């Protein structure tokens, strides 16, 4: 944590310097963008890429990609860093 804050998603207060874990990558990136936590180095979730309908897949960073093969390749690159 860069700053102490209350997280309504987990119903917890996090103090500056503590670690934060959450399975919702969009929420993690939102907290990082607001300056509450450091930008996550690695987000690992075996559920990604996630099919969201119409040939569109969501990656672990919240980005949407058309096509299963393209999404799998993009997720692989995200995990590689």
PDB file of N, CA and C in Angstrom:
ATOM      1  N   UNK A   1       0.822  -1.172   0.000  1.00  0.00           N
ATOM      2  CA  UNK A   1       0.000   0.000   0.000  1.00  0.00           C
ATOM      3  C   UNK A   1       0.871   1.242   0.000  1.00  0.00           C
ATOM      4  N   UNK A   2       0.502   2.158  -0.810  1.00  0.00           N
ATOM      5  CA  UNK A   2       1.175   3.452  -0.801  1.00  0.00           C
ATOM      6  C   UNK A   2       0.493   4.380   0.196  1.00  0.00           C
ATOM      7  N   UNK A   3      -0.814   4.152   0.402  1.00  0.00           N
ATOM      8  CA  UNK A   3      -1.605   4.937   1.346  1.00  0.00           C
ATOM      9  C   UNK A   3      -2.555   3.981   2.064  1.00  0.00           C
ATOM     10  N   UNK A   4      -2.920   4.309   3.289  1.00  0.00           N
ATOM     11  CA  UNK A   4      -3.930   3.530   3.993  1.00  0.00           C
ATOM     12  C   UNK A   4      -5.302   3.838   3.392  1.00  0.00           C
ATOM     13  N   UNK A   5      -6.162   2.823   3.287  1.00  0.00           N
ATOM     14  CA  UNK A   5      -7.502   3.046   2.757  1.00  0.00           C
ATOM     15  C   UNK A   5      -8.422   1.888   3.134  1.00  0.00           C
ATOM     16  N   UNK A   6      -9.729   2.151   3.048  1.00  0.00           N
ATOM     17  CA  UNK A   6     -10.747   1.125   3.248  1.00  0.00           C
ATOM     18  C   UNK A   6     -11.163   0.619   1.885  1.00  0.00           C
ATOM     19  N   UNK A   7     -11.160  -0.690   1.703  1.00  0.00           N
ATOM     20  CA  UNK A   7     -11.549  -1.291   0.426  1.00  0.00           C
ATOM     21  C   UNK A   7     -12.916  -1.951   0.584  1.00  0.00           C
ATOM     22  N   UNK A   8     -13.954  -1.385  -0.035  1.00  0.00           N
ATOM     23  CA  UNK A   8     -15.293  -1.956   0.093  1.00  0.00           C
ATOM     24  C   UNK A   8     -15.433  -3.328  -0.578  1.00  0.00           C
ATOM     25  N   UNK A   9     -14.572  -3.641  -1.531  1.00  0.00           N
ATOM     26  CA  UNK A   9     -14.634  -4.946  -2.201  1.00  0.00           C
ATOM     27  C   UNK A   9     -14.309  -6.061  -1.214  1.00  0.00           C
ATOM     28  N   UNK A  10     -13.297  -5.852  -0.388  1.00  0.00           N
ATOM     29  CA  UNK A  10     -12.879  -6.861   0.588  1.00  0.00           C
ATOM     30  C   UNK A  10     -13.365  -6.547   2.001  1.00  0.00           C
ATOM     31  N   UNK A  11     -14.021  -5.412   2.174  1.00  0.00           N
ATOM     32  CA  UNK A  11     -14.497  -4.949   3.484  1.00  0.00           C
ATOM     33  C   UNK A  11     -13.381  -4.938   4.524  1.00  0.00           C
ATOM     34  N   UNK A  12     -12.221  -4.402   4.126  1.00  0.00           N
ATOM     35  CA  UNK A  12     -11.070  -4.338   5.016  1.00  0.00           C
ATOM     36  C   UNK A  12     -10.382  -2.986   4.911  1.00  0.00           C
ATOM     37  N   UNK A  13      -9.711  -2.641   6.004  1.00  0.00           N
ATOM     38  CA  UNK A  13      -8.843  -1.458   6.007  1.00  0.00           C
ATOM     39  C   UNK A  13      -7.428  -1.958   5.768  1.00  0.00           C
ATOM     40  N   UNK A  14      -6.759  -1.358   4.798  1.00  0.00           N
ATOM     41  CA  UNK A  14      -5.371  -1.708   4.485  1.00  0.00           C
ATOM     42  C   UNK A  14      -4.484  -0.560   4.908  1.00  0.00           C
ATOM     43  N   UNK A  15      -3.430  -0.880   5.626  1.00  0.00           N
ATOM     44  CA  UNK A  15      -2.508   0.146   6.100  1.00  0.00           C
ATOM     45  C   UNK A  15      -1.335   0.289   5.154  1.00  0.00           C
ATOM     46  N   UNK A  16      -0.789   1.477   5.118  1.00  0.00           N
ATOM     47  CA  UNK A  16       0.366   1.763   4.267  1.00  0.00           C
ATOM     48  C   UNK A  16       1.471   0.741   4.532  1.00  0.00           C
ATOM     49  N   UNK A  17       2.034   0.192   3.471  1.00  0.00           N
ATOM     50  CA  UNK A  17       3.113  -0.776   3.578  1.00  0.00           C
ATOM     51  C   UNK A  17       2.653  -2.222   3.574  1.00  0.00           C
ATOM     52  N   UNK A  18       1.350  -2.464   3.740  1.00  0.00           N
ATOM     53  CA  UNK A  18       0.858  -3.842   3.730  1.00  0.00           C
ATOM     54  C   UNK A  18       0.670  -4.331   2.294  1.00  0.00           C
ATOM     55  N   UNK A  19       0.473  -5.638   2.140  1.00  0.00           N
ATOM     56  CA  UNK A  19       0.247  -6.216   0.813  1.00  0.00           C
ATOM     57  C   UNK A  19      -1.238  -6.279   0.523  1.00  0.00           C
ATOM     58  N   UNK A  20      -1.571  -6.218  -0.757  1.00  0.00           N
ATOM     59  CA  UNK A  20      -2.965  -6.268  -1.191  1.00  0.00           C
ATOM     60  C   UNK A  20      -3.124  -7.375  -2.202  1.00  0.00           C
ATOM     61  N   UNK A  21      -4.107  -8.236  -1.989  1.00  0.00           N
ATOM     62  CA  UNK A  21      -4.420  -9.297  -2.945  1.00  0.00           C
ATOM     63  C   UNK A  21      -5.895  -9.235  -3.279  1.00  0.00           C
ATOM     64  N   UNK A  22      -6.199  -9.418  -4.551  1.00  0.00           N
ATOM     65  CA  UNK A  22      -7.581  -9.412  -5.009  1.00  0.00           C
ATOM     66  C   UNK A  22      -7.623 -10.158  -6.334  1.00  0.00           C
ATOM     67  N   UNK A  23      -8.651 -10.959  -6.551  1.00  0.00           N
ATOM     68  CA  UNK A  23      -8.745 -11.718  -7.801  1.00  0.00           C
ATOM     69  C   UNK A  23      -9.322 -10.884  -8.942  1.00  0.00           C
ATOM     70  N   UNK A  24      -9.818  -9.688  -8.653  1.00  0.00           N
ATOM     71  CA  UNK A  24     -10.413  -8.820  -9.669  1.00  0.00           C
ATOM     72  C   UNK A  24      -9.344  -7.884 -10.229  1.00  0.00           C
ATOM     73  N   UNK A  25      -8.817  -8.244 -11.403  1.00  0.00           N
ATOM     74  CA  UNK A  25      -7.713  -7.463 -11.976  1.00  0.00           C
ATOM     75  C   UNK A  25      -8.115  -6.026 -12.303  1.00  0.00           C
ATOM     76  N   UNK A  26      -9.368  -5.817 -12.691  1.00  0.00           N
ATOM     77  CA  UNK A  26      -9.823  -4.452 -12.985  1.00  0.00           C
ATOM     78  C   UNK A  26      -9.755  -3.593 -11.723  1.00  0.00           C
ATOM     79  N   UNK A  27     -10.160  -4.167 -10.603  1.00  0.00           N
ATOM     80  CA  UNK A  27     -10.129  -3.429  -9.338  1.00  0.00           C
ATOM     81  C   UNK A  27      -8.688  -3.105  -8.938  1.00  0.00           C
ATOM     82  N   UNK A  28      -7.794  -4.065  -9.119  1.00  0.00           N
ATOM     83  CA  UNK A  28      -6.385  -3.842  -8.799  1.00  0.00           C
ATOM     84  C   UNK A  28      -5.820  -2.702  -9.631  1.00  0.00           C
ATOM     85  N   UNK A  29      -6.101  -2.714 -10.922  1.00  0.00           N
ATOM     86  CA  UNK A  29      -5.584  -1.653 -11.798  1.00  0.00           C
ATOM     87  C   UNK A  29      -6.221  -0.300 -11.468  1.00  0.00           C
ATOM     88  N   UNK A  30      -7.481  -0.316 -11.034  1.00  0.00           N
ATOM     89  CA  UNK A  30      -8.146   0.929 -10.633  1.00  0.00           C
ATOM     90  C   UNK A  30      -7.468   1.514  -9.387  1.00  0.00           C
ATOM     91  N   UNK A  31      -7.161   0.645  -8.416  1.00  0.00           N
ATOM     92  CA  UNK A  31      -6.475   1.113  -7.207  1.00  0.00           C
ATOM     93  C   UNK A  31      -5.082   1.641  -7.528  1.00  0.00           C
ATOM     94  N   UNK A  32      -4.386   0.971  -8.441  1.00  0.00           N
ATOM     95  CA  UNK A  32      -3.047   1.419  -8.836  1.00  0.00           C
ATOM     96  C   UNK A  32      -3.126   2.772  -9.533  1.00  0.00           C
ATOM     97  N   UNK A  33      -4.125   2.936 -10.404  1.00  0.00           N
ATOM     98  CA  UNK A  33      -4.275   4.204 -11.130  1.00  0.00           C
ATOM     99  C   UNK A  33      -4.611   5.360 -10.182  1.00  0.00           C
ATOM    100  N   UNK A  34      -5.289   5.050  -9.076  1.00  0.00           N
ATOM    101  CA  UNK A  34      -5.645   6.101  -8.122  1.00  0.00           C
ATOM    102  C   UNK A  34      -4.518   6.400  -7.134  1.00  0.00           C
ATOM    103  N   UNK A  35      -3.410   5.636  -7.213  1.00  0.00           N
ATOM    104  CA  UNK A  35      -2.260   5.895  -6.364  1.00  0.00           C
ATOM    105  C   UNK A  35      -2.337   5.260  -4.984  1.00  0.00           C
ATOM    106  N   UNK A  36      -3.285   4.344  -4.777  1.00  0.00           N
ATOM    107  CA  UNK A  36      -3.412   3.691  -3.475  1.00  0.00           C
ATOM    108  C   UNK A  36      -2.455   2.515  -3.321  1.00  0.00           C
ATOM    109  N   UNK A  37      -2.204   1.811  -4.416  1.00  0.00           N
ATOM    110  CA  UNK A  37      -1.272   0.682  -4.387  1.00  0.00           C
ATOM    111  C   UNK A  37      -0.271   0.828  -5.517  1.00  0.00           C
ATOM    112  N   UNK A  38       0.842   0.106  -5.403  1.00  0.00           N
ATOM    113  CA  UNK A  38       1.818   0.114  -6.479  1.00  0.00           C
ATOM    114  C   UNK A  38       1.261  -0.664  -7.661  1.00  0.00           C
ATOM    115  N   UNK A  39       1.709  -0.331  -8.846  1.00  0.00           N
ATOM    116  CA  UNK A  39       1.276  -1.053 -10.031  1.00  0.00           C
ATOM    117  C   UNK A  39       1.675  -2.508  -9.884  1.00  0.00           C
ATOM    118  N   UNK A  40       0.723  -3.415 -10.053  1.00  0.00           N
ATOM    119  CA  UNK A  40       1.052  -4.834  -9.892  1.00  0.00           C
ATOM    120  C   UNK A  40       2.067  -5.290 -10.936  1.00  0.00           C
ATOM    121  N   UNK A  41       3.014  -6.072 -10.481  1.00  0.00           N
ATOM    122  CA  UNK A  41       4.037  -6.590 -11.387  1.00  0.00           C
ATOM    123  C   UNK A  41       3.484  -7.768 -12.165  1.00  0.00           C
ATOM    124  N   UNK A  42       2.846  -8.687 -11.465  1.00  0.00           N
ATOM    125  CA  UNK A  42       2.296  -9.876 -12.109  1.00  0.00           C
ATOM    126  C   UNK A  42       0.896 -10.125 -11.565  1.00  0.00           C
ATOM    127  N   UNK A  43      -0.032 -10.320 -12.464  1.00  0.00           N
ATOM    128  CA  UNK A  43      -1.375 -10.726 -12.076  1.00  0.00           C
ATOM    129  C   UNK A  43      -1.594 -12.089 -12.709  1.00  0.00           C
ATOM    130  N   UNK A  44      -1.677 -13.106 -11.861  1.00  0.00           N
ATOM    131  CA  UNK A  44      -1.849 -14.464 -12.374  1.00  0.00           C
ATOM    132  C   UNK A  44      -3.246 -14.946 -12.031  1.00  0.00           C
ATOM    133  N   UNK A  45      -3.956 -15.337 -13.037  1.00  0.00           N
ATOM    134  CA  UNK A  45      -5.289 -15.887 -12.856  1.00  0.00           C
ATOM    135  C   UNK A  45      -5.518 -16.840 -14.005  1.00  0.00           C
ATOM    136  N   UNK A  46      -5.654 -18.116 -13.696  1.00  0.00           N
ATOM    137  CA  UNK A  46      -5.789 -19.122 -14.739  1.00  0.00           C
ATOM    138  C   UNK A  46      -7.108 -19.051 -15.490  1.00  0.00           C
ATOM    139  N   UNK A  47      -7.992 -18.147 -15.091  1.00  0.00           N
ATOM    140  CA  UNK A  47      -9.284 -18.025 -15.760  1.00  0.00           C
ATOM    141  C   UNK A  47      -9.199 -17.158 -17.014  1.00  0.00           C
ATOM    142  N   UNK A  48      -8.056 -16.602 -17.283  1.00  0.00           N
ATOM    143  CA  UNK A  48      -7.916 -15.696 -18.422  1.00  0.00           C
ATOM    144  C   UNK A  48      -7.167 -16.360 -19.550  1.00  0.00           C
ATOM    145  N   UNK A  49      -7.480 -16.019 -20.788  1.00  0.00           N
ATOM    146  CA  UNK A  49      -8.490 -15.057 -21.201  1.00  0.00           C
ATOM    147  C   UNK A  49      -9.897 -15.604 -20.964  1.00  0.00           C
ATOM    148  N   UNK A  50     -10.789 -14.704 -20.602  1.00  0.00           N
ATOM    149  CA  UNK A  50     -12.163 -15.053 -20.253  1.00  0.00           C
ATOM    150  C   UNK A  50     -13.092 -14.665 -21.404  1.00  0.00           C
ATOM    151  N   UNK A  51     -13.890 -15.622 -21.882  1.00  0.00           N
ATOM    152  CA  UNK A  51     -14.824 -15.354 -22.968  1.00  0.00           C
ATOM    153  C   UNK A  51     -15.957 -14.484 -22.446  1.00  0.00           C
ATOM    154  N   UNK A  52     -16.180 -13.340 -23.093  1.00  0.00           N
ATOM    155  CA  UNK A  52     -17.237 -12.431 -22.655  1.00  0.00           C
ATOM    156  C   UNK A  52     -18.360 -12.318 -23.679  1.00  0.00           C
ATOM    157  N   UNK A  53     -18.296 -13.132 -24.737  1.00  0.00           N
ATOM    158  CA  UNK A  53     -19.365 -13.178 -25.731  1.00  0.00           C
ATOM    159  C   UNK A  53     -18.978 -12.569 -27.062  1.00  0.00           C
ATOM    160  N   UNK A  54     -19.617 -13.076 -28.102  1.00  0.00           N
ATOM    161  CA  UNK A  54     -19.420 -12.521 -29.441  1.00  0.00           C
ATOM    162  C   UNK A  54     -18.001 -12.621 -29.967  1.00  0.00           C
ATOM    163  N   UNK A  55     -17.254 -13.642 -29.545  1.00  0.00           N
ATOM    164  CA  UNK A  55     -15.884 -13.795 -30.013  1.00  0.00           C
ATOM    165  C   UNK A  55     -14.900 -12.855 -29.340  1.00  0.00           C
ATOM    166  N   UNK A  56     -15.320 -12.202 -28.271  1.00  0.00           N
ATOM    167  CA  UNK A  56     -14.471 -11.276 -27.534  1.00  0.00           C
ATOM    168  C   UNK A  56     -14.017 -11.920 -26.230  1.00  0.00           C
ATOM    169  N   UNK A  57     -12.758 -11.701 -25.890  1.00  0.00           N
ATOM    170  CA  UNK A  57     -12.157 -12.272 -24.689  1.00  0.00           C
ATOM    171  C   UNK A  57     -11.536 -11.160 -23.864  1.00  0.00           C
ATOM    172  N   UNK A  58     -11.670 -11.289 -22.538  1.00  0.00           N
ATOM    173  CA  UNK A  58     -11.077 -10.318 -21.629  1.00  0.00           C
ATOM    174  C   UNK A  58      -9.773 -10.874 -21.083  1.00  0.00           C
ATOM    175  N   UNK A  59      -8.721 -10.035 -21.094  1.00  0.00           N
ATOM    176  CA  UNK A  59      -7.425 -10.423 -20.551  1.00  0.00           C
ATOM    177  C   UNK A  59      -7.363 -10.074 -19.070  1.00  0.00           C
ATOM    178  N   UNK A  60      -6.338 -10.559 -18.385  1.00  0.00           N
ATOM    179  CA  UNK A  60      -6.202 -10.319 -16.949  1.00  0.00           C
ATOM    180  C   UNK A  60      -5.995  -8.849 -16.595  1.00  0.00           C
ATOM    181  N   UNK A  61      -5.602  -8.029 -17.564  1.00  0.00           N
ATOM    182  CA  UNK A  61      -5.428  -6.593 -17.315  1.00  0.00           C
ATOM    183  C   UNK A  61      -6.676  -5.788 -17.659  1.00  0.00           C
ATOM    184  N   UNK A  62      -7.774  -6.489 -18.010  1.00  0.00           N
ATOM    185  CA  UNK A  62      -9.026  -5.821 -18.327  1.00  0.00           C
ATOM    186  C   UNK A  62      -9.215  -5.502 -19.802  1.00  0.00           C
ATOM    187  N   UNK A  63      -8.163  -5.634 -20.590  1.00  0.00           N
ATOM    188  CA  UNK A  63      -8.235  -5.358 -22.024  1.00  0.00           C
ATOM    189  C   UNK A  63      -9.096  -6.416 -22.706  1.00  0.00           C
ATOM    190  N   UNK A  64      -9.812  -6.001 -23.750  1.00  0.00           N
ATOM    191  CA  UNK A  64     -10.641  -6.931 -24.509  1.00  0.00           C
ATOM    192  C   UNK A  64     -10.007  -7.166 -25.879  1.00  0.00           C
ATOM    193  N   UNK A  65     -10.019  -8.449 -26.305  1.00  0.00           N
ATOM    194  CA  UNK A  65      -9.383  -8.851 -27.557  1.00  0.00           C
ATOM    195  C   UNK A  65     -10.363  -9.727 -28.328  1.00  0.00           C
ATOM    196  N   UNK A  66     -10.430  -9.538 -29.651  1.00  0.00           N
ATOM    197  CA  UNK A  66     -11.293 -10.371 -30.493  1.00  0.00           C
ATOM    198  C   UNK A  66     -10.514 -11.601 -30.942  1.00  0.00           C
ATOM    199  N   UNK A  67     -11.147 -12.755 -30.824  1.00  0.00           N
ATOM    200  CA  UNK A  67     -10.548 -14.004 -31.280  1.00  0.00           C
ATOM    201  C   UNK A  67      -9.816 -14.739 -30.165  1.00  0.00           C
ATOM    202  N   UNK A  68     -10.123 -16.045 -30.052  1.00  0.00           N
ATOM    203  CA  UNK A  68      -9.541 -16.846 -28.975  1.00  0.00           C
ATOM    204  C   UNK A  68      -8.024 -16.952 -29.072  1.00  0.00           C
ATOM    205  N   UNK A  69      -7.509 -17.239 -30.269  1.00  0.00           N
ATOM    206  CA  UNK A  69      -6.060 -17.390 -30.431  1.00  0.00           C
ATOM    207  C   UNK A  69      -5.323 -16.091 -30.126  1.00  0.00           C
ATOM    208  N   UNK A  70      -5.862 -14.979 -30.593  1.00  0.00           N
ATOM    209  CA  UNK A  70      -5.239 -13.677 -30.331  1.00  0.00           C
ATOM    210  C   UNK A  70      -5.251 -13.374 -28.831  1.00  0.00           C
ATOM    211  N   UNK A  71      -6.349 -13.715 -28.165  1.00  0.00           N
ATOM    212  CA  UNK A  71      -6.461 -13.470 -26.729  1.00  0.00           C
ATOM    213  C   UNK A  71      -5.489 -14.347 -25.945  1.00  0.00           C
ATOM    214  N   UNK A  72      -5.357 -15.608 -26.332  1.00  0.00           N
ATOM    215  CA  UNK A  72      -4.423 -16.503 -25.651  1.00  0.00           C
ATOM    216  C   UNK A  72      -2.985 -16.022 -25.802  1.00  0.00           C
ATOM    217  N   UNK A  73      -2.644 -15.564 -26.978  1.00  0.00           N
ATOM    218  CA  UNK A  73      -1.288 -15.054 -27.221  1.00  0.00           C
ATOM    219  C   UNK A  73      -1.034 -13.768 -26.418  1.00  0.00           C
ATOM    220  N   UNK A  74      -2.018 -12.879 -26.407  1.00  0.00           N
ATOM    221  CA  UNK A  74      -1.873 -11.622 -25.668  1.00  0.00           C
ATOM    222  C   UNK A  74      -1.746 -11.888 -24.163  1.00  0.00           C
ATOM    223  N   UNK A  75      -2.524 -12.844 -23.637  1.00  0.00           N
ATOM    224  CA  UNK A  75      -2.443 -13.178 -22.214  1.00  0.00           C
ATOM    225  C   UNK A  75      -1.091 -13.800 -21.890  1.00  0.00           C
ATOM    226  N   UNK A  76      -0.591 -14.613 -22.798  1.00  0.00           N
ATOM    227  CA  UNK A  76       0.724 -15.235 -22.608  1.00  0.00           C
ATOM    228  C   UNK A  76       1.815 -14.160 -22.513  1.00  0.00           C
ATOM    229  N   UNK A  77       1.724 -13.142 -23.352  1.00  0.00           N
ATOM    230  CA  UNK A  77       2.688 -12.037 -23.335  1.00  0.00           C
ATOM    231  C   UNK A  77       2.566 -11.239 -22.027  1.00  0.00           C
ATOM    232  N   UNK A  78       1.333 -11.032 -21.543  1.00  0.00           N
ATOM    233  CA  UNK A  78       1.138 -10.317 -20.283  1.00  0.00           C
ATOM    234  C   UNK A  78       1.818 -11.069 -19.129  1.00  0.00           C
ATOM    235  N   UNK A  79       1.648 -12.366 -19.091  1.00  0.00           N
ATOM    236  CA  UNK A  79       2.225 -13.179 -18.015  1.00  0.00           C
ATOM    237  C   UNK A  79       3.738 -13.240 -18.094  1.00  0.00           C
ATOM    238  N   UNK A  80       4.270 -13.140 -19.301  1.00  0.00           N
ATOM    239  CA  UNK A  80       5.733 -13.185 -19.474  1.00  0.00           C
ATOM    240  C   UNK A  80       6.377 -11.879 -18.996  1.00  0.00           C
ATOM    241  N   UNK A  81       5.560 -10.830 -18.935  1.00  0.00           N
ATOM    242  CA  UNK A  81       6.070  -9.548 -18.453  1.00  0.00           C
ATOM    243  C   UNK A  81       6.522  -8.725 -19.564  1.00  0.00           C
TER     244      UNK A  81
END
